[in-house]
All heavy atoms as atom14 arrays in JSON, in Angstrom:
{
  "sequence": "GRAFARALQQEFAASQAAARARGTSAGQHSAAATSISGMSLTEAQQIL",
  "atom14_mask": [
    [1, 1, 1, 1, 0, 0, 0, 0, 0, 0, 0, 0, 0, 0],
    [1, 1, 1, 1, 1, 1, 1, 1, 1, 1, 1, 0, 0, 0],
    [1, 1, 1, 1, 1, 0, 0, 0, 0, 0, 0, 0, 0, 0],
    [1, 1, 1, 1, 1, 1, 1, 1, 1, 1, 1, 0, 0, 0],
    [1, 1, 1, 1, 1, 0, 0, 0, 0, 0, 0, 0, 0, 0],
    [1, 1, 1, 1, 1, 1, 1, 1, 1, 1, 1, 0, 0, 0],
    [1, 1, 1, 1, 1, 0, 0, 0, 0, 0, 0, 0, 0, 0],
    [1, 1, 1, 1, 1, 1, 1, 1, 0, 0, 0, 0, 0, 0],
    [1, 1, 1, 1, 1, 1, 1, 1, 1, 0, 0, 0, 0, 0],
    [1, 1, 1, 1, 1, 1, 1, 1, 1, 0, 0, 0, 0, 0],
    [1, 1, 1, 1, 1, 1, 1, 1, 1, 0, 0, 0, 0, 0],
    [1, 1, 1, 1, 1, 1, 1, 1, 1, 1, 1, 0, 0, 0],
    [1, 1, 1, 1, 1, 0, 0, 0, 0, 0, 0, 0, 0, 0],
    [1, 1, 1, 1, 1, 0, 0, 0, 0, 0, 0, 0, 0, 0],
    [1, 1, 1, 1, 1, 1, 0, 0, 0, 0, 0, 0, 0, 0],
    [1, 1, 1, 1, 1, 1, 1, 1, 1, 0, 0, 0, 0, 0],
    [1, 1, 1, 1, 1, 0, 0, 0, 0, 0, 0, 0, 0, 0],
    [1, 1, 1, 1, 1, 0, 0, 0, 0, 0, 0, 0, 0, 0],
    [1, 1, 1, 1, 1, 0, 0, 0, 0, 0, 0, 0, 0, 0],
    [1, 1, 1, 1, 1, 1, 1, 1, 1, 1, 1, 0, 0, 0],
    [1, 1, 1, 1, 1, 0, 0, 0, 0, 0, 0, 0, 0, 0],
    [1, 1, 1, 1, 1, 1, 1, 1, 1, 1, 1, 0, 0, 0],
    [1, 1, 1, 1, 0, 0, 0, 0, 0, 0, 0, 0, 0, 0],
    [1, 1, 1, 1, 1, 1, 1, 0, 0, 0, 0, 0, 0, 0],
    [1, 1, 1, 1, 1, 1, 0, 0, 0, 0, 0, 0, 0, 0],
    [1, 1, 1, 1, 1, 0, 0, 0, 0, 0, 0, 0, 0, 0],
    [1, 1, 1, 1, 0, 0, 0, 0, 0, 0, 0, 0, 0, 0],
    [1, 1, 1, 1, 1, 1, 1, 1, 1, 0, 0, 0, 0, 0],
    [1, 1, 1, 1, 1, 1, 1, 1, 1, 1, 0, 0, 0, 0],
    [1, 1, 1, 1, 1, 1, 0, 0, 0, 0, 0, 0, 0, 0],
    [1, 1, 1, 1, 1, 0, 0, 0, 0, 0, 0, 0, 0, 0],
    [1, 1, 1, 1, 1, 0, 0, 0, 0, 0, 0, 0, 0, 0],
    [1, 1, 1, 1, 1, 0, 0, 0, 0, 0, 0, 0, 0, 0],
    [1, 1, 1, 1, 1, 1, 1, 0, 0, 0, 0, 0, 0, 0],
    [1, 1, 1, 1, 1, 1, 0, 0, 0, 0, 0, 0, 0, 0],
    [1, 1, 1, 1, 1, 1, 1, 1, 0, 0, 0, 0, 0, 0],
    [1, 1, 1, 1, 1, 1, 0, 0, 0, 0, 0, 0, 0, 0],
    [1, 1, 1, 1, 0, 0, 0, 0, 0, 0, 0, 0, 0, 0],
    [1, 1, 1, 1, 1, 1, 1, 1, 0, 0, 0, 0, 0, 0],
    [1, 1, 1, 1, 1, 1, 0, 0, 0, 0, 0, 0, 0, 0],
    [1, 1, 1, 1, 1, 1, 1, 1, 0, 0, 0, 0, 0, 0],
    [1, 1, 1, 1, 1, 1, 1, 0, 0, 0, 0, 0, 0, 0],
    [1, 1, 1, 1, 1, 1, 1, 1, 1, 0, 0, 0, 0, 0],
    [1, 1, 1, 1, 1, 0, 0, 0, 0, 0, 0, 0, 0, 0],
    [1, 1, 1, 1, 1, 1, 1, 1, 1, 0, 0, 0, 0, 0],
    [1, 1, 1, 1, 1, 1, 1, 1, 1, 0, 0, 0, 0, 0],
    [1, 1, 1, 1, 1, 1, 1, 1, 0, 0, 0, 0, 0, 0],
    [1, 1, 1, 1, 1, 1, 1, 1, 0, 0, 0, 0, 0, 0]
  ],
  "atom14_positions": [
    [[0.83, -1.12, 0.04], [0.06, -0.15, 0.03], [0.8, 1.24, 0.04], [0.59, 2.18, -0.69], [0.0, 0.0, 0.0], [0.0, 0.0, 0.0], [0.0, 0.0, 0.0], [0.0, 0.0, 0.0], [0.0, 0.0, 0.0], [0.0, 0.0, 0.0], [0.0, 0.0, 0.0], [0.0, 0.0, 0.0], [0.0, 0.0, 0.0], [0.0, 0.0, 0.0]],
    [[1.91, 1.31, 0.8], [2.75, 2.38, 0.85], [3.48, 2.61, -0.46], [3.7, 3.81, -1.02], [3.79, 2.35, 1.98], [3.22, 2.55, 3.27], [4.37, 2.55, 4.4], [3.78, 2.27, 5.69], [4.13, 1.33, 6.34], [5.2, 0.46, 6.05], [3.53, 0.93, 7.48], [0.0, 0.0, 0.0], [0.0, 0.0, 0.0], [0.0, 0.0, 0.0]],
    [[3.97, 1.5, -1.03], [4.69, 1.64, -2.38], [3.75, 2.12, -3.48], [4.05, 2.94, -4.22], [5.31, 0.18, -2.7], [0.0, 0.0, 0.0], [0.0, 0.0, 0.0], [0.0, 0.0, 0.0], [0.0, 0.0, 0.0], [0.0, 0.0, 0.0], [0.0, 0.0, 0.0], [0.0, 0.0, 0.0], [0.0, 0.0, 0.0], [0.0, 0.0, 0.0]],
    [[2.5, 1.68, -3.27], [1.48, 2.04, -4.43], [1.27, 3.55, -4.29], [1.26, 4.36, -5.22], [0.27, 1.25, -4.26], [-0.74, 1.59, -5.26], [-0.78, 1.27, -6.54], [-1.94, 2.41, -4.77], [-1.7, 1.72, -7.45], [-2.84, 2.77, -5.7], [-2.74, 2.46, -7.15], [0.0, 0.0, 0.0], [0.0, 0.0, 0.0], [0.0, 0.0, 0.0]],
    [[1.12, 3.95, -3.03], [0.88, 5.44, -2.8], [1.99, 6.36, -3.2], [1.75, 7.4, -3.91], [0.6, 5.67, -1.16], [0.0, 0.0, 0.0], [0.0, 0.0, 0.0], [0.0, 0.0, 0.0], [0.0, 0.0, 0.0], [0.0, 0.0, 0.0], [0.0, 0.0, 0.0], [0.0, 0.0, 0.0], [0.0, 0.0, 0.0], [0.0, 0.0, 0.0]],
    [[3.28, 5.87, -2.98], [4.31, 6.69, -3.41], [4.44, 6.72, -4.88], [4.75, 7.73, -5.51], [5.68, 6.01, -2.89], [6.15, 6.6, -1.62], [7.49, 6.18, -1.18], [7.44, 5.54, 0.26], [7.69, 4.44, 0.4], [8.1, 3.56, -0.43], [7.48, 4.04, 1.63], [0.0, 0.0, 0.0], [0.0, 0.0, 0.0], [0.0, 0.0, 0.0]],
    [[4.11, 5.58, -5.64], [4.16, 5.57, -7.07], [3.15, 6.38, -7.56], [3.39, 7.06, -8.57], [4.09, 4.14, -7.52], [0.0, 0.0, 0.0], [0.0, 0.0, 0.0], [0.0, 0.0, 0.0], [0.0, 0.0, 0.0], [0.0, 0.0, 0.0], [0.0, 0.0, 0.0], [0.0, 0.0, 0.0], [0.0, 0.0, 0.0], [0.0, 0.0, 0.0]],
    [[1.94, 6.48, -6.93], [0.93, 7.32, -7.46], [1.34, 8.73, -7.32], [1.08, 9.54, -8.18], [-0.32, 7.01, -6.57], [-1.69, 7.51, -7.17], [-1.89, 6.93, -8.48], [-2.76, 7.04, -6.22], [0.0, 0.0, 0.0], [0.0, 0.0, 0.0], [0.0, 0.0, 0.0], [0.0, 0.0, 0.0], [0.0, 0.0, 0.0], [0.0, 0.0, 0.0]],
    [[1.95, 9.17, -6.13], [2.31, 10.55, -5.99], [3.46, 10.93, -6.97], [3.38, 12.04, -7.62], [2.96, 10.69, -4.55], [1.86, 10.59, -3.52], [2.6, 10.72, -2.04], [3.78, 10.32, -1.85], [1.78, 11.05, -1.06], [0.0, 0.0, 0.0], [0.0, 0.0, 0.0], [0.0, 0.0, 0.0], [0.0, 0.0, 0.0], [0.0, 0.0, 0.0]],
    [[4.38, 10.04, -7.24], [5.4, 10.33, -8.32], [4.78, 10.52, -9.6], [5.16, 11.33, -10.47], [6.48, 9.18, -8.35], [7.32, 9.31, -7.17], [8.22, 7.94, -6.92], [8.13, 7.05, -7.86], [9.2, 8.02, -6.02], [0.0, 0.0, 0.0], [0.0, 0.0, 0.0], [0.0, 0.0, 0.0], [0.0, 0.0, 0.0], [0.0, 0.0, 0.0]],
    [[3.85, 9.66, -10.04], [3.27, 9.72, -11.25], [2.45, 11.07, -11.44], [2.44, 11.72, -12.4], [2.28, 8.58, -11.57], [1.59, 8.49, -12.85], [2.54, 8.45, -14.05], [3.64, 7.9, -13.89], [2.28, 8.98, -15.18], [0.0, 0.0, 0.0], [0.0, 0.0, 0.0], [0.0, 0.0, 0.0], [0.0, 0.0, 0.0], [0.0, 0.0, 0.0]],
    [[1.72, 11.48, -10.39], [0.95, 12.65, -10.39], [2.0, 13.88, -10.5], [1.67, 14.72, -11.29], [0.15, 12.83, -9.11], [-0.63, 14.14, -9.11], [-1.83, 14.19, -9.74], [-0.25, 15.12, -8.34], [-2.5, 15.37, -9.75], [-0.98, 16.2, -8.13], [-2.1, 16.52, -9.03], [0.0, 0.0, 0.0], [0.0, 0.0, 0.0], [0.0, 0.0, 0.0]],
    [[3.04, 13.84, -9.8], [4.14, 14.91, -9.92], [4.6, 14.96, -11.35], [4.83, 16.04, -11.93], [5.15, 14.74, -8.9], [0.0, 0.0, 0.0], [0.0, 0.0, 0.0], [0.0, 0.0, 0.0], [0.0, 0.0, 0.0], [0.0, 0.0, 0.0], [0.0, 0.0, 0.0], [0.0, 0.0, 0.0], [0.0, 0.0, 0.0], [0.0, 0.0, 0.0]],
    [[5.01, 13.92, -11.95], [5.54, 13.8, -13.23], [4.4, 14.26, -14.29], [4.85, 15.05, -15.24], [5.91, 12.39, -13.56], [0.0, 0.0, 0.0], [0.0, 0.0, 0.0], [0.0, 0.0, 0.0], [0.0, 0.0, 0.0], [0.0, 0.0, 0.0], [0.0, 0.0, 0.0], [0.0, 0.0, 0.0], [0.0, 0.0, 0.0], [0.0, 0.0, 0.0]],
    [[3.16, 13.95, -14.0], [2.12, 14.45, -14.98], [2.0, 16.03, -14.88], [1.87, 16.62, -15.9], [0.82, 13.68, -14.53], [-0.27, 14.29, -15.27], [0.0, 0.0, 0.0], [0.0, 0.0, 0.0], [0.0, 0.0, 0.0], [0.0, 0.0, 0.0], [0.0, 0.0, 0.0], [0.0, 0.0, 0.0], [0.0, 0.0, 0.0], [0.0, 0.0, 0.0]],
    [[2.05, 16.43, -13.75], [1.97, 17.92, -13.52], [3.15, 18.58, -14.17], [2.98, 19.61, -14.81], [1.88, 18.28, -12.0], [0.71, 17.83, -11.33], [-0.52, 18.51, -11.85], [-0.55, 19.71, -12.15], [-1.69, 17.85, -12.03], [0.0, 0.0, 0.0], [0.0, 0.0, 0.0], [0.0, 0.0, 0.0], [0.0, 0.0, 0.0], [0.0, 0.0, 0.0]],
    [[4.32, 18.08, -14.09], [5.62, 18.68, -14.71], [5.45, 18.59, -16.15], [5.69, 19.63, -16.87], [6.75, 17.9, -14.11], [0.0, 0.0, 0.0], [0.0, 0.0, 0.0], [0.0, 0.0, 0.0], [0.0, 0.0, 0.0], [0.0, 0.0, 0.0], [0.0, 0.0, 0.0], [0.0, 0.0, 0.0], [0.0, 0.0, 0.0], [0.0, 0.0, 0.0]],
    [[4.9, 17.52, -16.71], [4.66, 17.42, -18.16], [3.64, 18.36, -18.61], [3.93, 19.02, -19.66], [4.4, 15.98, -18.57], [0.0, 0.0, 0.0], [0.0, 0.0, 0.0], [0.0, 0.0, 0.0], [0.0, 0.0, 0.0], [0.0, 0.0, 0.0], [0.0, 0.0, 0.0], [0.0, 0.0, 0.0], [0.0, 0.0, 0.0], [0.0, 0.0, 0.0]],
    [[2.63, 18.52, -17.85], [1.65, 19.61, -18.27], [2.25, 20.96, -18.33], [1.9, 21.83, -19.21], [0.49, 19.55, -17.34], [0.0, 0.0, 0.0], [0.0, 0.0, 0.0], [0.0, 0.0, 0.0], [0.0, 0.0, 0.0], [0.0, 0.0, 0.0], [0.0, 0.0, 0.0], [0.0, 0.0, 0.0], [0.0, 0.0, 0.0], [0.0, 0.0, 0.0]],
    [[3.01, 21.26, -17.31], [3.57, 22.64, -17.24], [4.56, 22.81, -18.51], [4.73, 23.93, -19.04], [4.44, 22.88, -16.06], [3.54, 23.19, -14.85], [4.25, 23.66, -13.64], [5.06, 22.64, -13.09], [4.84, 21.71, -12.23], [3.6, 21.56, -11.84], [5.74, 20.8, -11.78], [0.0, 0.0, 0.0], [0.0, 0.0, 0.0], [0.0, 0.0, 0.0]],
    [[5.25, 21.66, -18.87], [6.35, 21.75, -19.97], [5.55, 21.93, -21.28], [6.06, 22.61, -22.15], [7.14, 20.53, -19.94], [0.0, 0.0, 0.0], [0.0, 0.0, 0.0], [0.0, 0.0, 0.0], [0.0, 0.0, 0.0], [0.0, 0.0, 0.0], [0.0, 0.0, 0.0], [0.0, 0.0, 0.0], [0.0, 0.0, 0.0], [0.0, 0.0, 0.0]],
    [[4.33, 21.5, -21.4], [3.54, 21.55, -22.57], [2.69, 22.82, -22.62], [1.6, 22.87, -23.37], [2.54, 20.38, -22.8], [3.33, 19.08, -23.02], [2.2, 17.99, -23.35], [1.07, 17.96, -22.5], [1.03, 16.95, -21.53], [1.83, 16.01, -21.45], [-0.05, 17.01, -20.71], [0.0, 0.0, 0.0], [0.0, 0.0, 0.0], [0.0, 0.0, 0.0]],
    [[3.12, 23.88, -22.0], [2.33, 25.0, -21.83], [2.0, 25.69, -23.18], [1.2, 26.55, -23.2], [0.0, 0.0, 0.0], [0.0, 0.0, 0.0], [0.0, 0.0, 0.0], [0.0, 0.0, 0.0], [0.0, 0.0, 0.0], [0.0, 0.0, 0.0], [0.0, 0.0, 0.0], [0.0, 0.0, 0.0], [0.0, 0.0, 0.0], [0.0, 0.0, 0.0]],
    [[2.83, 25.47, -24.19], [2.58, 26.12, -25.47], [1.36, 25.61, -26.25], [0.92, 24.57, -26.01], [3.89, 26.08, -26.3], [3.97, 24.63, -26.69], [5.13, 26.47, -25.59], [0.0, 0.0, 0.0], [0.0, 0.0, 0.0], [0.0, 0.0, 0.0], [0.0, 0.0, 0.0], [0.0, 0.0, 0.0], [0.0, 0.0, 0.0], [0.0, 0.0, 0.0]],
    [[0.98, 26.45, -27.1], [-0.1, 26.04, -27.97], [0.18, 24.69, -28.76], [-0.73, 23.89, -28.8], [-0.58, 27.15, -28.89], [-1.57, 26.71, -29.67], [0.0, 0.0, 0.0], [0.0, 0.0, 0.0], [0.0, 0.0, 0.0], [0.0, 0.0, 0.0], [0.0, 0.0, 0.0], [0.0, 0.0, 0.0], [0.0, 0.0, 0.0], [0.0, 0.0, 0.0]],
    [[1.33, 24.76, -29.36], [1.75, 23.53, -30.16], [1.53, 22.24, -29.33], [1.21, 21.31, -29.74], [3.04, 23.79, -30.75], [0.0, 0.0, 0.0], [0.0, 0.0, 0.0], [0.0, 0.0, 0.0], [0.0, 0.0, 0.0], [0.0, 0.0, 0.0], [0.0, 0.0, 0.0], [0.0, 0.0, 0.0], [0.0, 0.0, 0.0], [0.0, 0.0, 0.0]],
    [[2.23, 22.46, -28.07], [2.23, 21.17, -27.15], [0.8, 20.78, -26.83], [0.5, 19.55, -26.6], [0.0, 0.0, 0.0], [0.0, 0.0, 0.0], [0.0, 0.0, 0.0], [0.0, 0.0, 0.0], [0.0, 0.0, 0.0], [0.0, 0.0, 0.0], [0.0, 0.0, 0.0], [0.0, 0.0, 0.0], [0.0, 0.0, 0.0], [0.0, 0.0, 0.0]],
    [[-0.05, 21.67, -26.7], [-1.49, 21.27, -26.32], [-2.1, 20.61, -27.5], [-2.84, 19.65, -27.32], [-2.35, 22.65, -25.9], [-1.77, 23.24, -24.67], [-2.52, 24.64, -24.41], [-3.12, 25.2, -25.28], [-2.31, 25.1, -23.23], [0.0, 0.0, 0.0], [0.0, 0.0, 0.0], [0.0, 0.0, 0.0], [0.0, 0.0, 0.0], [0.0, 0.0, 0.0]],
    [[-1.9, 21.02, -28.72], [-2.52, 20.39, -29.82], [-1.85, 18.89, -29.92], [-2.61, 17.95, -30.23], [-2.34, 21.21, -31.15], [-3.08, 22.39, -31.25], [-4.53, 22.4, -31.24], [-2.76, 23.66, -31.26], [-4.87, 23.66, -31.4], [-3.88, 24.47, -31.46], [0.0, 0.0, 0.0], [0.0, 0.0, 0.0], [0.0, 0.0, 0.0], [0.0, 0.0, 0.0]],
    [[-0.65, 18.89, -29.86], [-0.01, 17.53, -29.86], [-0.36, 16.64, -28.81], [-0.5, 15.47, -29.02], [1.62, 17.76, -29.82], [2.25, 16.5, -30.21], [0.0, 0.0, 0.0], [0.0, 0.0, 0.0], [0.0, 0.0, 0.0], [0.0, 0.0, 0.0], [0.0, 0.0, 0.0], [0.0, 0.0, 0.0], [0.0, 0.0, 0.0], [0.0, 0.0, 0.0]],
    [[-0.54, 17.18, -27.59], [-0.97, 16.32, -26.52], [-2.39, 15.93, -26.75], [-2.73, 14.78, -26.35], [-0.87, 17.13, -25.2], [0.0, 0.0, 0.0], [0.0, 0.0, 0.0], [0.0, 0.0, 0.0], [0.0, 0.0, 0.0], [0.0, 0.0, 0.0], [0.0, 0.0, 0.0], [0.0, 0.0, 0.0], [0.0, 0.0, 0.0], [0.0, 0.0, 0.0]],
    [[-3.29, 16.68, -27.35], [-4.61, 16.28, -27.58], [-4.61, 15.23, -28.64], [-5.39, 14.22, -28.42], [-5.4, 17.47, -28.18], [0.0, 0.0, 0.0], [0.0, 0.0, 0.0], [0.0, 0.0, 0.0], [0.0, 0.0, 0.0], [0.0, 0.0, 0.0], [0.0, 0.0, 0.0], [0.0, 0.0, 0.0], [0.0, 0.0, 0.0], [0.0, 0.0, 0.0]],
    [[-3.82, 15.31, -29.64], [-3.61, 14.24, -30.63], [-3.22, 12.93, -29.97], [-3.66, 11.79, -30.31], [-2.79, 14.56, -31.75], [0.0, 0.0, 0.0], [0.0, 0.0, 0.0], [0.0, 0.0, 0.0], [0.0, 0.0, 0.0], [0.0, 0.0, 0.0], [0.0, 0.0, 0.0], [0.0, 0.0, 0.0], [0.0, 0.0, 0.0], [0.0, 0.0, 0.0]],
    [[-2.14, 12.98, -29.13], [-1.75, 11.86, -28.36], [-2.9, 11.24, -27.56], [-3.0, 9.93, -27.56], [-0.61, 12.21, -27.41], [0.57, 12.6, -28.29], [-0.03, 10.97, -26.68], [0.0, 0.0, 0.0], [0.0, 0.0, 0.0], [0.0, 0.0, 0.0], [0.0, 0.0, 0.0], [0.0, 0.0, 0.0], [0.0, 0.0, 0.0], [0.0, 0.0, 0.0]],
    [[-3.56, 12.0, -26.95], [-4.67, 11.57, -26.08], [-5.76, 10.83, -26.97], [-6.32, 9.76, -26.58], [-5.38, 12.73, -25.34], [-6.43, 12.29, -24.59], [0.0, 0.0, 0.0], [0.0, 0.0, 0.0], [0.0, 0.0, 0.0], [0.0, 0.0, 0.0], [0.0, 0.0, 0.0], [0.0, 0.0, 0.0], [0.0, 0.0, 0.0], [0.0, 0.0, 0.0]],
    [[-6.13, 11.42, -28.11], [-7.15, 10.88, -28.88], [-6.67, 9.59, -29.66], [-7.45, 8.62, -29.62], [-7.56, 11.84, -30.11], [-8.3, 13.13, -29.44], [-8.33, 11.25, -31.23], [-8.5, 14.28, -30.29], [0.0, 0.0, 0.0], [0.0, 0.0, 0.0], [0.0, 0.0, 0.0], [0.0, 0.0, 0.0], [0.0, 0.0, 0.0], [0.0, 0.0, 0.0]],
    [[-5.41, 9.57, -30.11], [-4.89, 8.36, -30.88], [-4.46, 7.33, -29.93], [-4.26, 6.09, -30.35], [-3.88, 8.84, -31.79], [-2.65, 9.12, -31.03], [0.0, 0.0, 0.0], [0.0, 0.0, 0.0], [0.0, 0.0, 0.0], [0.0, 0.0, 0.0], [0.0, 0.0, 0.0], [0.0, 0.0, 0.0], [0.0, 0.0, 0.0], [0.0, 0.0, 0.0]],
    [[-4.06, 7.72, -28.64], [-3.55, 6.75, -27.79], [-2.07, 6.34, -28.08], [-1.59, 5.35, -27.41], [0.0, 0.0, 0.0], [0.0, 0.0, 0.0], [0.0, 0.0, 0.0], [0.0, 0.0, 0.0], [0.0, 0.0, 0.0], [0.0, 0.0, 0.0], [0.0, 0.0, 0.0], [0.0, 0.0, 0.0], [0.0, 0.0, 0.0], [0.0, 0.0, 0.0]],
    [[-1.43, 7.07, -28.81], [-0.04, 6.84, -29.22], [0.67, 8.2, -29.28], [0.19, 9.16, -29.86], [0.02, 6.19, -30.65], [1.33, 5.89, -31.12], [1.31, 5.08, -32.75], [0.55, 3.43, -32.36], [0.0, 0.0, 0.0], [0.0, 0.0, 0.0], [0.0, 0.0, 0.0], [0.0, 0.0, 0.0], [0.0, 0.0, 0.0], [0.0, 0.0, 0.0]],
    [[1.78, 8.19, -28.67], [2.66, 9.44, -28.7], [3.43, 9.6, -29.99], [3.42, 8.71, -30.87], [3.62, 9.39, -27.63], [4.71, 8.42, -27.87], [0.0, 0.0, 0.0], [0.0, 0.0, 0.0], [0.0, 0.0, 0.0], [0.0, 0.0, 0.0], [0.0, 0.0, 0.0], [0.0, 0.0, 0.0], [0.0, 0.0, 0.0], [0.0, 0.0, 0.0]],
    [[3.78, 10.84, -30.2], [4.45, 11.2, -31.52], [5.77, 10.31, -31.61], [6.13, 9.62, -32.65], [4.93, 12.53, -31.64], [5.54, 13.05, -32.78], [4.92, 12.79, -34.11], [5.96, 14.56, -32.61], [0.0, 0.0, 0.0], [0.0, 0.0, 0.0], [0.0, 0.0, 0.0], [0.0, 0.0, 0.0], [0.0, 0.0, 0.0], [0.0, 0.0, 0.0]],
    [[6.55, 10.21, -30.52], [7.7, 9.42, -30.5], [7.45, 7.97, -30.7], [8.12, 7.33, -31.61], [8.28, 9.48, -29.05], [8.58, 10.92, -28.83], [9.65, 8.85, -29.16], [0.0, 0.0, 0.0], [0.0, 0.0, 0.0], [0.0, 0.0, 0.0], [0.0, 0.0, 0.0], [0.0, 0.0, 0.0], [0.0, 0.0, 0.0], [0.0, 0.0, 0.0]],
    [[6.35, 7.36, -30.26], [6.1, 5.98, -30.5], [5.7, 5.79, -31.88], [6.24, 4.85, -32.46], [4.89, 5.5, -29.53], [4.56, 4.02, -29.68], [3.32, 3.62, -28.91], [2.82, 4.5, -28.21], [2.98, 2.44, -28.86], [0.0, 0.0, 0.0], [0.0, 0.0, 0.0], [0.0, 0.0, 0.0], [0.0, 0.0, 0.0], [0.0, 0.0, 0.0]],
    [[4.93, 6.7, -32.42], [4.54, 6.59, -33.84], [5.83, 6.66, -34.78], [5.98, 5.77, -35.75], [3.6, 7.64, -34.2], [0.0, 0.0, 0.0], [0.0, 0.0, 0.0], [0.0, 0.0, 0.0], [0.0, 0.0, 0.0], [0.0, 0.0, 0.0], [0.0, 0.0, 0.0], [0.0, 0.0, 0.0], [0.0, 0.0, 0.0], [0.0, 0.0, 0.0]],
    [[6.68, 7.52, -34.44], [7.94, 7.56, -35.17], [8.85, 6.35, -35.11], [9.44, 5.96, -36.19], [8.82, 8.7, -34.81], [8.08, 10.18, -35.16], [8.93, 11.43, -34.67], [9.24, 11.43, -33.51], [8.97, 12.31, -35.49], [0.0, 0.0, 0.0], [0.0, 0.0, 0.0], [0.0, 0.0, 0.0], [0.0, 0.0, 0.0], [0.0, 0.0, 0.0]],
    [[8.88, 5.7, -33.96], [9.66, 4.6, -33.82], [9.0, 3.38, -34.51], [9.76, 2.61, -35.16], [9.7, 4.17, -32.25], [10.65, 5.1, -31.5], [10.63, 4.83, -29.95], [9.63, 4.19, -29.56], [11.54, 5.36, -29.33], [0.0, 0.0, 0.0], [0.0, 0.0, 0.0], [0.0, 0.0, 0.0], [0.0, 0.0, 0.0], [0.0, 0.0, 0.0]],
    [[7.67, 3.32, -34.59], [7.07, 2.18, -35.26], [7.24, 2.31, -36.81], [7.65, 1.35, -37.29], [5.55, 2.2, -34.99], [5.26, 1.72, -33.64], [4.75, 1.34, -36.04], [3.84, 1.91, -33.07], [0.0, 0.0, 0.0], [0.0, 0.0, 0.0], [0.0, 0.0, 0.0], [0.0, 0.0, 0.0], [0.0, 0.0, 0.0], [0.0, 0.0, 0.0]],
    [[7.25, 3.56, -37.31], [7.47, 3.68, -38.75], [8.91, 3.88, -39.06], [9.18, 4.23, -40.3], [6.57, 4.76, -39.27], [4.99, 4.46, -39.39], [4.35, 5.64, -39.89], [4.77, 3.2, -40.12], [0.0, 0.0, 0.0], [0.0, 0.0, 0.0], [0.0, 0.0, 0.0], [0.0, 0.0, 0.0], [0.0, 0.0, 0.0], [0.0, 0.0, 0.0]]
  ]
}
């Protein structure tokens, strides 16, 4: 339970940091596309 709680806190902190880093308009559009497609730009580039 403690390990799960710590992992959850770390994931939340990383998510917040990523959201702040994507503060630009371009980042918001790309993040929306990632959310819709379920695949990140990097993953798509690696696959192809």
